[in-house]
Structures are given as structure tokens and as C-alpha cells.
Amino acid sequence: MILKDNVSDGPAFDESRISYAQLIDFIDHKMDMHANYQPVVIKTIVERGGSVTRDVIEDQLDRFNPDSNSKSMTNTVLSVLKENRILRKDRDNYLLNLDRPLKYDDIQSIIALCNEQIRKFERGGQHAVELEEHDYAPVLKRFLEGKYNISIEKVSRANLKLPSGSIIHAKGAGREIQWQDLAPLH
């Protein structure tokens, strides 16, 4: 809390916390990757609702790095992420060290960016692990089929074909996905 002449200047602000933009910048530009550990840990925390135990982190690191020493890699990555103020520990759980809760679009962007970083590392000759895809097409497909009782075809990773023949596609704007060409269905 910032005090001026013993008067509160609004809600407490923790200067040790980072913003969503700082997290994205770290993942996209500043992360010094010698392995895929950092994006795996960040992705795991986000996918699991924002708080995970060390055991969960170790399980995911083992999944993505079956030939590595789990204990050693976990100690290293947790230290690096804490030093960079990316995560913090609260009792037995690790959390992202953010100054505000994440919105749905923030979560999807972080997961996509972490997947991208993991893939970049894997292309460098490391172990290939099947990654979960986090695109919006299956979610939108289920929603539209359920709401309008129609059959929709997924024609590519982020494109859906409506019964009318129209294609719904995702357009990137920075790290946000915007659906286009979706006329109201009646």
C-alpha cells in the first residue's frame, strides 16, 4: 500500500507482482530456454487453474522430458522462474506471480504461446511429445451444434464450415483470436 501523509492511496499494490503483458513478454522474448521446462511449468499452472503442487509440476516435466532427472530439472526451473518473478510459492502450491486474475482469453493466449515455445524447442532435436491443441474451433463447433441443432464440419485447425457453406475462421490480432464471417443463424 502506498501511503502519503498517512493517507491510503487506494488498494494495495504489490510491486513484486508482474503484469499479464510482462508475462507474455517473458515467454515470447526473454525466456532463456536451454530446455522446454519453463513453458511446460507456466502452461501447467495455467491449465490447472492457476495453482499446482510440486508433484504436478514434476509429473508434467517428466511427461515432456522422459529422459531427464525430474528432481534436478524441477529445482532448476522453479528457481529460474522465481528469480524472474514469474511464479511464487504459497504454502505447498506454485502460482503465477501476476498482479490480477487471468481472463479466459489471457489463459488461451498463454497456453498457445507456451505450446509454441515447446514446439520450437522440440524442433531443435529434442523429444517430440504430442501436445494438446488449444484452438477455439472445437469449442465453437460444440456450441453451435448444440444451440442450433446443426452439423458443422471442421475443415482445418481453426476453420469451421457451416451447412450454408460459409467458413468461420480465426483471425489473429496480436495474441487475441477474433471470429469472423459468422452471420446470425436463425
N, C-alpha and C. Protein backbone atom coordinates (compact mmCIF):
# COMPACT_ATOMS: atom_id res chain seq x y z
N MET A 1 0.85 -1.16 0.00
CA MET A 1 0.00 0.00 0.00
C MET A 1 0.90 1.24 0.00
N ILE A 2 0.59 2.18 -0.83
CA ILE A 2 1.36 3.41 -0.90
C ILE A 2 0.70 4.43 0.02
N LEU A 3 1.48 5.00 0.90
CA LEU A 3 0.94 5.98 1.85
C LEU A 3 1.53 7.35 1.59
N LYS A 4 0.69 8.34 1.63
CA LYS A 4 1.12 9.74 1.53
C LYS A 4 0.54 10.46 2.72
N ASP A 5 1.41 10.98 3.57
CA ASP A 5 0.95 11.68 4.76
C ASP A 5 -0.06 10.85 5.54
N ASN A 6 0.22 9.54 5.67
CA ASN A 6 -0.63 8.62 6.41
C ASN A 6 -2.03 8.45 5.83
N VAL A 7 -2.20 8.76 4.56
CA VAL A 7 -3.50 8.58 3.90
C VAL A 7 -3.32 7.52 2.81
N SER A 8 -4.21 6.55 2.78
CA SER A 8 -4.12 5.48 1.79
C SER A 8 -4.38 6.04 0.41
N ASP A 9 -3.62 5.56 -0.57
CA ASP A 9 -3.76 6.00 -1.95
C ASP A 9 -4.46 4.91 -2.77
N GLY A 10 -5.49 4.30 -2.23
CA GLY A 10 -6.22 3.27 -2.96
C GLY A 10 -5.81 1.88 -2.51
N PRO A 11 -6.20 0.86 -3.29
CA PRO A 11 -5.90 -0.51 -2.91
C PRO A 11 -4.40 -0.79 -2.92
N ALA A 12 -4.02 -1.77 -2.12
CA ALA A 12 -2.60 -2.13 -2.02
C ALA A 12 -2.08 -2.59 -3.38
N PHE A 13 -0.86 -2.22 -3.69
CA PHE A 13 -0.22 -2.62 -4.93
C PHE A 13 1.08 -3.31 -4.57
N ASP A 14 1.21 -4.53 -5.00
CA ASP A 14 2.40 -5.31 -4.69
C ASP A 14 3.38 -5.16 -5.86
N GLU A 15 4.47 -4.43 -5.64
CA GLU A 15 5.43 -4.16 -6.70
C GLU A 15 6.17 -5.41 -7.14
N SER A 16 6.12 -6.48 -6.36
CA SER A 16 6.82 -7.69 -6.75
C SER A 16 6.04 -8.50 -7.79
N ARG A 17 4.76 -8.20 -7.96
CA ARG A 17 3.93 -8.91 -8.94
C ARG A 17 4.18 -8.36 -10.34
N ILE A 18 3.95 -9.20 -11.33
CA ILE A 18 4.13 -8.77 -12.71
C ILE A 18 2.78 -8.68 -13.41
N SER A 19 2.74 -7.93 -14.49
CA SER A 19 1.51 -7.79 -15.26
C SER A 19 1.39 -8.92 -16.28
N TYR A 20 0.22 -9.08 -16.82
CA TYR A 20 -0.01 -10.05 -17.89
C TYR A 20 0.93 -9.74 -19.06
N ALA A 21 1.07 -8.47 -19.42
CA ALA A 21 1.94 -8.07 -20.53
C ALA A 21 3.39 -8.46 -20.26
N GLN A 22 3.84 -8.32 -19.02
CA GLN A 22 5.21 -8.71 -18.67
C GLN A 22 5.39 -10.23 -18.79
N LEU A 23 4.37 -11.00 -18.40
CA LEU A 23 4.44 -12.45 -18.54
C LEU A 23 4.54 -12.84 -20.01
N ILE A 24 3.71 -12.25 -20.84
CA ILE A 24 3.74 -12.54 -22.28
C ILE A 24 5.09 -12.17 -22.87
N ASP A 25 5.63 -11.02 -22.48
CA ASP A 25 6.94 -10.59 -22.97
C ASP A 25 8.03 -11.57 -22.53
N PHE A 26 7.94 -12.04 -21.31
CA PHE A 26 8.92 -13.02 -20.81
C PHE A 26 8.86 -14.30 -21.65
N ILE A 27 7.67 -14.83 -21.85
CA ILE A 27 7.52 -16.08 -22.60
C ILE A 27 7.97 -15.90 -24.05
N ASP A 28 7.58 -14.80 -24.64
CA ASP A 28 7.82 -14.58 -26.06
C ASP A 28 9.24 -14.12 -26.38
N HIS A 29 9.87 -13.35 -25.47
CA HIS A 29 11.15 -12.73 -25.83
C HIS A 29 12.29 -12.95 -24.83
N LYS A 30 12.00 -13.05 -23.56
CA LYS A 30 13.06 -13.02 -22.56
C LYS A 30 13.43 -14.38 -21.99
N MET A 31 12.59 -15.36 -22.19
CA MET A 31 12.83 -16.67 -21.63
C MET A 31 14.08 -17.27 -22.28
N ASP A 32 15.07 -17.59 -21.46
CA ASP A 32 16.31 -18.19 -21.93
C ASP A 32 16.16 -19.70 -21.83
N MET A 33 15.82 -20.33 -22.95
CA MET A 33 15.49 -21.75 -22.92
C MET A 33 16.67 -22.62 -23.32
N HIS A 34 17.10 -23.45 -22.39
CA HIS A 34 18.07 -24.50 -22.68
C HIS A 34 17.33 -25.83 -22.74
N ALA A 35 16.07 -25.80 -22.36
CA ALA A 35 15.17 -26.94 -22.39
C ALA A 35 13.76 -26.37 -22.43
N ASN A 36 12.76 -27.24 -22.46
CA ASN A 36 11.38 -26.77 -22.54
C ASN A 36 10.74 -26.58 -21.16
N TYR A 37 11.54 -26.63 -20.11
CA TYR A 37 11.00 -26.66 -18.75
C TYR A 37 10.14 -25.44 -18.40
N GLN A 38 10.60 -24.25 -18.73
CA GLN A 38 9.87 -23.05 -18.32
C GLN A 38 8.46 -22.97 -18.94
N PRO A 39 8.33 -23.13 -20.27
CA PRO A 39 6.96 -23.08 -20.81
C PRO A 39 6.09 -24.23 -20.33
N VAL A 40 6.69 -25.39 -20.06
CA VAL A 40 5.90 -26.51 -19.54
C VAL A 40 5.33 -26.16 -18.17
N VAL A 41 6.14 -25.56 -17.31
CA VAL A 41 5.67 -25.20 -15.96
C VAL A 41 4.60 -24.11 -16.04
N ILE A 42 4.84 -23.07 -16.82
CA ILE A 42 3.86 -21.98 -16.94
C ILE A 42 2.55 -22.52 -17.49
N LYS A 43 2.62 -23.31 -18.55
CA LYS A 43 1.42 -23.91 -19.16
C LYS A 43 0.68 -24.78 -18.15
N THR A 44 1.41 -25.59 -17.39
CA THR A 44 0.79 -26.47 -16.40
C THR A 44 0.03 -25.67 -15.35
N ILE A 45 0.64 -24.62 -14.85
CA ILE A 45 -0.03 -23.79 -13.83
C ILE A 45 -1.30 -23.18 -14.40
N VAL A 46 -1.23 -22.65 -15.61
CA VAL A 46 -2.40 -22.01 -16.22
C VAL A 46 -3.50 -23.03 -16.50
N GLU A 47 -3.13 -24.17 -17.07
CA GLU A 47 -4.13 -25.20 -17.41
C GLU A 47 -4.80 -25.80 -16.18
N ARG A 48 -4.11 -25.80 -15.06
CA ARG A 48 -4.65 -26.40 -13.84
C ARG A 48 -5.34 -25.38 -12.94
N GLY A 49 -5.71 -24.25 -13.48
CA GLY A 49 -6.49 -23.29 -12.71
C GLY A 49 -5.67 -22.29 -11.92
N GLY A 50 -4.37 -22.23 -12.15
CA GLY A 50 -3.56 -21.19 -11.54
C GLY A 50 -2.76 -21.57 -10.32
N SER A 51 -2.90 -22.80 -9.85
CA SER A 51 -2.18 -23.22 -8.65
C SER A 51 -1.91 -24.72 -8.74
N VAL A 52 -0.62 -25.11 -8.59
CA VAL A 52 -0.28 -26.53 -8.66
C VAL A 52 0.77 -26.88 -7.61
N THR A 53 0.82 -28.14 -7.27
CA THR A 53 1.84 -28.62 -6.33
C THR A 53 3.11 -28.97 -7.10
N ARG A 54 4.16 -29.15 -6.37
CA ARG A 54 5.44 -29.56 -6.97
C ARG A 54 5.28 -30.91 -7.66
N ASP A 55 4.50 -31.81 -7.09
CA ASP A 55 4.30 -33.14 -7.69
C ASP A 55 3.68 -33.03 -9.08
N VAL A 56 2.71 -32.14 -9.24
CA VAL A 56 2.07 -31.94 -10.55
C VAL A 56 3.10 -31.40 -11.55
N ILE A 57 3.91 -30.45 -11.11
CA ILE A 57 4.95 -29.90 -11.98
C ILE A 57 5.92 -31.00 -12.39
N GLU A 58 6.36 -31.81 -11.46
CA GLU A 58 7.29 -32.90 -11.77
C GLU A 58 6.67 -33.90 -12.75
N ASP A 59 5.38 -34.22 -12.56
CA ASP A 59 4.70 -35.14 -13.48
C ASP A 59 4.70 -34.59 -14.91
N GLN A 60 4.39 -33.31 -15.05
CA GLN A 60 4.35 -32.71 -16.39
C GLN A 60 5.75 -32.60 -17.00
N LEU A 61 6.74 -32.25 -16.20
CA LEU A 61 8.11 -32.20 -16.71
C LEU A 61 8.56 -33.58 -17.16
N ASP A 62 8.19 -34.62 -16.40
CA ASP A 62 8.51 -36.00 -16.80
C ASP A 62 7.82 -36.36 -18.10
N ARG A 63 6.59 -35.93 -18.25
CA ARG A 63 5.82 -36.23 -19.47
C ARG A 63 6.50 -35.63 -20.70
N PHE A 64 6.96 -34.40 -20.57
CA PHE A 64 7.58 -33.71 -21.70
C PHE A 64 9.06 -34.04 -21.85
N ASN A 65 9.68 -34.58 -20.81
CA ASN A 65 11.12 -34.86 -20.81
C ASN A 65 11.39 -36.20 -20.14
N PRO A 66 10.97 -37.30 -20.78
CA PRO A 66 11.06 -38.61 -20.11
C PRO A 66 12.47 -39.06 -19.76
N ASP A 67 13.49 -38.54 -20.42
CA ASP A 67 14.87 -38.98 -20.15
C ASP A 67 15.62 -38.10 -19.17
N SER A 68 14.97 -37.08 -18.63
CA SER A 68 15.66 -36.16 -17.72
C SER A 68 15.41 -36.52 -16.26
N ASN A 69 16.29 -36.03 -15.39
CA ASN A 69 16.15 -36.24 -13.96
C ASN A 69 15.13 -35.25 -13.42
N SER A 70 13.98 -35.74 -13.04
CA SER A 70 12.86 -34.91 -12.62
C SER A 70 13.21 -33.96 -11.47
N LYS A 71 13.85 -34.47 -10.46
CA LYS A 71 14.17 -33.66 -9.28
C LYS A 71 15.07 -32.49 -9.65
N SER A 72 16.10 -32.77 -10.41
CA SER A 72 17.06 -31.75 -10.80
C SER A 72 16.43 -30.69 -11.69
N MET A 73 15.66 -31.13 -12.71
CA MET A 73 15.05 -30.15 -13.61
C MET A 73 13.99 -29.33 -12.89
N THR A 74 13.27 -29.93 -11.97
CA THR A 74 12.24 -29.18 -11.23
C THR A 74 12.89 -28.11 -10.37
N ASN A 75 13.93 -28.45 -9.65
CA ASN A 75 14.63 -27.46 -8.83
C ASN A 75 15.13 -26.29 -9.67
N THR A 76 15.72 -26.61 -10.82
CA THR A 76 16.29 -25.58 -11.70
C THR A 76 15.21 -24.65 -12.24
N VAL A 77 14.17 -25.22 -12.81
CA VAL A 77 13.15 -24.38 -13.45
C VAL A 77 12.40 -23.54 -12.41
N LEU A 78 12.11 -24.10 -11.25
CA LEU A 78 11.41 -23.32 -10.22
C LEU A 78 12.27 -22.15 -9.75
N SER A 79 13.56 -22.38 -9.59
CA SER A 79 14.47 -21.30 -9.19
C SER A 79 14.52 -20.20 -10.25
N VAL A 80 14.65 -20.60 -11.50
CA VAL A 80 14.72 -19.61 -12.59
C VAL A 80 13.44 -18.79 -12.67
N LEU A 81 12.29 -19.45 -12.60
CA LEU A 81 11.02 -18.73 -12.70
C LEU A 81 10.77 -17.84 -11.48
N LYS A 82 11.22 -18.25 -10.31
CA LYS A 82 11.09 -17.38 -9.13
C LYS A 82 12.01 -16.18 -9.24
N GLU A 83 13.25 -16.39 -9.69
CA GLU A 83 14.20 -15.28 -9.85
C GLU A 83 13.69 -14.24 -10.84
N ASN A 84 12.95 -14.69 -11.85
CA ASN A 84 12.39 -13.78 -12.85
C ASN A 84 11.00 -13.26 -12.46
N ARG A 85 10.59 -13.54 -11.23
CA ARG A 85 9.31 -13.09 -10.69
C ARG A 85 8.10 -13.63 -11.45
N ILE A 86 8.26 -14.75 -12.15
CA ILE A 86 7.17 -15.33 -12.93
C ILE A 86 6.24 -16.14 -12.04
N LEU A 87 6.80 -16.81 -11.05
CA LEU A 87 5.93 -17.54 -10.13
C LEU A 87 6.37 -17.33 -8.70
N ARG A 88 5.47 -17.71 -7.82
CA ARG A 88 5.72 -17.62 -6.38
C ARG A 88 5.13 -18.86 -5.73
N LYS A 89 5.56 -19.08 -4.51
CA LYS A 89 5.05 -20.23 -3.76
C LYS A 89 4.14 -19.74 -2.66
N ASP A 90 2.99 -20.38 -2.53
CA ASP A 90 2.04 -20.09 -1.46
C ASP A 90 1.74 -21.41 -0.77
N ARG A 91 2.27 -21.58 0.41
CA ARG A 91 2.21 -22.85 1.15
C ARG A 91 2.84 -23.94 0.30
N ASP A 92 2.05 -24.94 -0.11
CA ASP A 92 2.59 -26.06 -0.90
C ASP A 92 2.34 -25.91 -2.40
N ASN A 93 1.79 -24.80 -2.82
CA ASN A 93 1.43 -24.62 -4.22
C ASN A 93 2.25 -23.53 -4.89
N TYR A 94 2.44 -23.70 -6.19
CA TYR A 94 3.10 -22.69 -7.02
C TYR A 94 2.04 -22.00 -7.85
N LEU A 95 2.15 -20.66 -7.93
CA LEU A 95 1.19 -19.83 -8.65
C LEU A 95 1.95 -18.87 -9.54
N LEU A 96 1.30 -18.40 -10.61
CA LEU A 96 1.89 -17.32 -11.38
C LEU A 96 1.86 -16.08 -10.51
N ASN A 97 2.87 -15.28 -10.60
CA ASN A 97 3.04 -14.10 -9.75
C ASN A 97 2.43 -12.86 -10.42
N LEU A 98 1.16 -12.94 -10.75
CA LEU A 98 0.50 -11.88 -11.52
C LEU A 98 -0.22 -10.88 -10.62
N ASP A 99 -0.35 -9.67 -11.14
CA ASP A 99 -0.99 -8.61 -10.39
C ASP A 99 -2.52 -8.61 -10.50
N ARG A 100 -3.06 -9.51 -11.31
CA ARG A 100 -4.52 -9.63 -11.45
C ARG A 100 -4.87 -11.03 -11.93
N PRO A 101 -6.10 -11.47 -11.71
CA PRO A 101 -6.53 -12.78 -12.22
C PRO A 101 -6.54 -12.77 -13.75
N LEU A 102 -6.34 -13.93 -14.34
CA LEU A 102 -6.35 -14.04 -15.79
C LEU A 102 -7.77 -14.16 -16.32
N LYS A 103 -8.01 -13.56 -17.48
CA LYS A 103 -9.28 -13.71 -18.20
C LYS A 103 -9.16 -14.94 -19.10
N TYR A 104 -10.27 -15.40 -19.60
CA TYR A 104 -10.29 -16.58 -20.47
C TYR A 104 -9.35 -16.40 -21.66
N ASP A 105 -9.44 -15.26 -22.33
CA ASP A 105 -8.58 -15.01 -23.50
C ASP A 105 -7.11 -14.97 -23.10
N ASP A 106 -6.80 -14.44 -21.92
CA ASP A 106 -5.41 -14.43 -21.43
C ASP A 106 -4.90 -15.86 -21.28
N ILE A 107 -5.72 -16.70 -20.70
CA ILE A 107 -5.34 -18.10 -20.48
C ILE A 107 -5.05 -18.79 -21.80
N GLN A 108 -5.94 -18.62 -22.77
CA GLN A 108 -5.75 -19.24 -24.07
C GLN A 108 -4.49 -18.72 -24.76
N SER A 109 -4.21 -17.43 -24.63
CA SER A 109 -3.01 -16.85 -25.23
C SER A 109 -1.74 -17.40 -24.59
N ILE A 110 -1.74 -17.51 -23.27
CA ILE A 110 -0.57 -18.04 -22.57
C ILE A 110 -0.33 -19.49 -22.97
N ILE A 111 -1.37 -20.29 -23.00
CA ILE A 111 -1.23 -21.70 -23.38
C ILE A 111 -0.71 -21.82 -24.80
N ALA A 112 -1.27 -21.04 -25.72
CA ALA A 112 -0.82 -21.09 -27.11
C ALA A 112 0.65 -20.68 -27.24
N LEU A 113 1.03 -19.64 -26.53
CA LEU A 113 2.41 -19.17 -26.59
C LEU A 113 3.37 -20.19 -25.98
N CYS A 114 2.98 -20.80 -24.87
CA CYS A 114 3.81 -21.86 -24.27
C CYS A 114 3.94 -23.05 -25.21
N ASN A 115 2.83 -23.45 -25.85
CA ASN A 115 2.89 -24.55 -26.82
C ASN A 115 3.85 -24.21 -27.95
N GLU A 116 3.80 -22.97 -28.41
CA GLU A 116 4.69 -22.52 -29.49
C GLU A 116 6.16 -22.64 -29.05
N GLN A 117 6.45 -22.20 -27.83
CA GLN A 117 7.83 -22.28 -27.32
C GLN A 117 8.28 -23.74 -27.16
N ILE A 118 7.38 -24.59 -26.70
CA ILE A 118 7.70 -26.01 -26.54
C ILE A 118 7.98 -26.62 -27.91
N ARG A 119 7.16 -26.29 -28.89
CA ARG A 119 7.38 -26.82 -30.25
C ARG A 119 8.70 -26.33 -30.83
N LYS A 120 9.04 -25.06 -30.61
CA LYS A 120 10.32 -24.53 -31.10
C LYS A 120 11.47 -25.34 -30.54
N PHE A 121 11.41 -25.64 -29.27
CA PHE A 121 12.47 -26.41 -28.63
C PHE A 121 12.51 -27.83 -29.20
N GLU A 122 11.34 -28.43 -29.37
CA GLU A 122 11.29 -29.80 -29.88
C GLU A 122 11.83 -29.88 -31.30
N ARG A 123 11.62 -28.85 -32.09
CA ARG A 123 12.16 -28.84 -33.46
C ARG A 123 13.68 -28.82 -33.45
N GLY A 124 14.25 -28.43 -32.31
CA GLY A 124 15.70 -28.40 -32.19
C GLY A 124 16.28 -29.78 -31.92
N GLY A 125 15.50 -30.84 -32.10
CA GLY A 125 16.04 -32.19 -31.98
C GLY A 125 15.70 -32.88 -30.67
N GLN A 126 14.91 -32.25 -29.81
CA GLN A 126 14.56 -32.87 -28.53
C GLN A 126 13.36 -33.80 -28.72
N HIS A 127 12.95 -34.42 -27.65
CA HIS A 127 11.86 -35.39 -27.68
C HIS A 127 10.56 -34.74 -28.15
N ALA A 128 9.91 -35.40 -29.06
CA ALA A 128 8.61 -34.91 -29.54
C ALA A 128 7.53 -35.52 -28.67
N VAL A 129 6.67 -34.68 -28.14
CA VAL A 129 5.57 -35.13 -27.31
C VAL A 129 4.30 -34.57 -27.92
N GLU A 130 3.30 -35.40 -28.01
CA GLU A 130 2.04 -34.92 -28.57
C GLU A 130 1.45 -33.88 -27.63
N LEU A 131 1.22 -32.69 -28.15
CA LEU A 131 0.68 -31.60 -27.35
C LEU A 131 -0.82 -31.48 -27.55
N GLU A 132 -1.51 -31.06 -26.52
CA GLU A 132 -2.92 -30.77 -26.66
C GLU A 132 -3.06 -29.50 -27.48
N GLU A 133 -3.97 -29.50 -28.41
CA GLU A 133 -4.22 -28.29 -29.18
C GLU A 133 -5.23 -27.44 -28.43
N HIS A 134 -4.98 -26.16 -28.40
CA HIS A 134 -5.91 -25.25 -27.74
C HIS A 134 -6.41 -24.25 -28.76
N ASP A 135 -7.21 -24.74 -29.69
CA ASP A 135 -7.81 -23.83 -30.64
C ASP A 135 -9.28 -23.68 -30.28
N TYR A 136 -9.89 -22.67 -30.83
CA TYR A 136 -11.27 -22.37 -30.49
C TYR A 136 -12.28 -23.14 -31.34
N ALA A 137 -11.86 -23.73 -32.45
CA ALA A 137 -12.80 -24.37 -33.36
C ALA A 137 -13.63 -25.47 -32.69
N PRO A 138 -13.05 -26.41 -31.93
CA PRO A 138 -13.90 -27.44 -31.32
C PRO A 138 -14.92 -26.89 -30.33
N VAL A 139 -14.52 -25.87 -29.59
CA VAL A 139 -15.43 -25.26 -28.61
C VAL A 139 -16.60 -24.59 -29.33
N LEU A 140 -16.27 -23.81 -30.36
CA LEU A 140 -17.32 -23.12 -31.12
C LEU A 140 -18.19 -24.14 -31.85
N LYS A 141 -17.59 -25.19 -32.38
CA LYS A 141 -18.34 -26.24 -33.08
C LYS A 141 -19.38 -26.86 -32.15
N ARG A 142 -18.95 -27.27 -30.95
CA ARG A 142 -19.89 -27.87 -29.99
C ARG A 142 -21.00 -26.90 -29.62
N PHE A 143 -20.62 -25.63 -29.39
CA PHE A 143 -21.61 -24.63 -29.01
C PHE A 143 -22.66 -24.45 -30.11
N LEU A 144 -22.23 -24.25 -31.35
CA LEU A 144 -23.16 -24.01 -32.44
C LEU A 144 -24.02 -25.24 -32.73
N GLU A 145 -23.42 -26.42 -32.71
CA GLU A 145 -24.19 -27.64 -32.97
C GLU A 145 -25.25 -27.85 -31.89
N GLY A 146 -24.89 -27.59 -30.65
CA GLY A 146 -25.84 -27.76 -29.55
C GLY A 146 -26.94 -26.72 -29.57
N LYS A 147 -26.57 -25.47 -29.82
CA LYS A 147 -27.55 -24.37 -29.78
C LYS A 147 -28.50 -24.38 -30.98
N TYR A 148 -27.99 -24.70 -32.17
CA TYR A 148 -28.80 -24.59 -33.38
C TYR A 148 -29.15 -25.94 -34.00
N ASN A 149 -28.75 -27.04 -33.36
CA ASN A 149 -29.05 -28.38 -33.85
C ASN A 149 -28.66 -28.53 -35.33
N ILE A 150 -27.42 -28.15 -35.64
CA ILE A 150 -26.90 -28.29 -37.00
C ILE A 150 -25.60 -29.08 -36.95
N SER A 151 -25.17 -29.53 -38.10
CA SER A 151 -23.90 -30.26 -38.20
C SER A 151 -22.87 -29.33 -38.83
N ILE A 152 -21.73 -29.19 -38.15
CA ILE A 152 -20.67 -28.30 -38.62
C ILE A 152 -19.42 -29.14 -38.85
N GLU A 153 -18.74 -28.88 -39.94
CA GLU A 153 -17.52 -29.62 -40.29
C GLU A 153 -16.29 -28.79 -39.93
N LYS A 154 -15.33 -29.42 -39.27
CA LYS A 154 -14.06 -28.74 -39.00
C LYS A 154 -13.18 -29.01 -40.22
N VAL A 155 -12.81 -27.94 -40.95
CA VAL A 155 -12.06 -28.12 -42.19
C VAL A 155 -10.57 -27.88 -42.03
N SER A 156 -10.15 -27.28 -40.95
CA SER A 156 -8.73 -27.12 -40.64
C SER A 156 -8.62 -26.77 -39.17
N ARG A 157 -7.39 -26.50 -38.71
CA ARG A 157 -7.17 -26.27 -37.28
C ARG A 157 -8.11 -25.23 -36.69
N ALA A 158 -8.36 -24.14 -37.36
CA ALA A 158 -9.19 -23.08 -36.79
C ALA A 158 -10.34 -22.67 -37.71
N ASN A 159 -10.71 -23.51 -38.66
CA ASN A 159 -11.79 -23.16 -39.59
C ASN A 159 -12.92 -24.17 -39.51
N LEU A 160 -14.14 -23.64 -39.50
CA LEU A 160 -15.34 -24.47 -39.47
C LEU A 160 -16.19 -24.14 -40.70
N LYS A 161 -16.84 -25.16 -41.23
CA LYS A 161 -17.72 -24.96 -42.38
C LYS A 161 -19.17 -25.15 -41.92
N LEU A 162 -19.97 -24.10 -42.12
CA LEU A 162 -21.39 -24.14 -41.75
C LEU A 162 -22.18 -24.89 -42.82
N PRO A 163 -23.40 -25.34 -42.50
CA PRO A 163 -24.23 -26.02 -43.50
C PRO A 163 -24.48 -25.15 -44.74
N SER A 164 -24.48 -23.84 -44.58
CA SER A 164 -24.69 -22.92 -45.70
C SER A 164 -23.48 -22.86 -46.63
N GLY A 165 -22.36 -23.43 -46.19
CA GLY A 165 -21.13 -23.37 -46.98
C GLY A 165 -20.18 -22.28 -46.52
N SER A 166 -20.65 -21.39 -45.66
CA SER A 166 -19.79 -20.33 -45.14
C SER A 166 -18.71 -20.92 -44.27
N ILE A 167 -17.54 -20.30 -44.31
CA ILE A 167 -16.43 -20.73 -43.48
C ILE A 167 -16.24 -19.71 -42.36
N ILE A 168 -16.14 -20.20 -41.14
CA ILE A 168 -15.83 -19.36 -39.99
C ILE A 168 -14.35 -19.55 -39.75
N HIS A 169 -13.63 -18.48 -39.61
CA HIS A 169 -12.20 -18.64 -39.37
C HIS A 169 -11.71 -17.66 -38.31
N ALA A 170 -10.58 -18.02 -37.70
CA ALA A 170 -9.98 -17.18 -36.66
C ALA A 170 -8.98 -16.25 -37.30
N LYS A 171 -8.99 -15.02 -36.86
CA LYS A 171 -8.02 -14.04 -37.34
C LYS A 171 -7.24 -13.54 -36.13
N GLY A 172 -5.94 -13.60 -36.22
CA GLY A 172 -5.12 -13.15 -35.10
C GLY A 172 -4.97 -11.66 -35.08
N ALA A 173 -5.09 -11.10 -33.90
CA ALA A 173 -4.83 -9.67 -33.69
C ALA A 173 -3.96 -9.62 -32.45
N GLY A 174 -2.67 -9.58 -32.66
CA GLY A 174 -1.76 -9.70 -31.52
C GLY A 174 -1.85 -11.12 -31.01
N ARG A 175 -2.23 -11.29 -29.78
CA ARG A 175 -2.36 -12.62 -29.19
C ARG A 175 -3.83 -12.99 -29.01
N GLU A 176 -4.75 -12.22 -29.58
CA GLU A 176 -6.17 -12.49 -29.40
C GLU A 176 -6.75 -13.10 -30.67
N ILE A 177 -7.71 -13.97 -30.50
CA ILE A 177 -8.39 -14.61 -31.62
C ILE A 177 -9.75 -13.93 -31.78
N GLN A 178 -10.07 -13.58 -33.01
CA GLN A 178 -11.37 -12.98 -33.29
C GLN A 178 -12.04 -13.82 -34.38
N TRP A 179 -13.29 -14.21 -34.14
CA TRP A 179 -14.01 -14.98 -35.14
C TRP A 179 -14.64 -14.03 -36.13
N GLN A 180 -14.54 -14.39 -37.42
CA GLN A 180 -15.11 -13.56 -38.48
C GLN A 180 -16.06 -14.40 -39.33
N ASP A 181 -16.85 -13.72 -40.11
CA ASP A 181 -17.74 -14.32 -41.10
C ASP A 181 -18.81 -15.19 -40.45
N LEU A 182 -19.21 -14.87 -39.27
CA LEU A 182 -20.26 -15.64 -38.60
C LEU A 182 -21.51 -14.79 -38.57
N ALA A 183 -22.41 -15.09 -39.51
CA ALA A 183 -23.69 -14.39 -39.55
C ALA A 183 -24.63 -15.06 -38.56
N PRO A 184 -25.55 -14.31 -37.97
CA PRO A 184 -26.50 -14.92 -37.03
C PRO A 184 -27.29 -16.05 -37.69
N LEU A 185 -27.41 -17.15 -37.02
CA LEU A 185 -28.18 -18.28 -37.55
C LEU A 185 -29.61 -18.20 -37.03
N HIS A 186 -30.56 -18.51 -37.88
CA HIS A 186 -31.98 -18.47 -37.47
C HIS A 186 -32.61 -19.80 -37.66
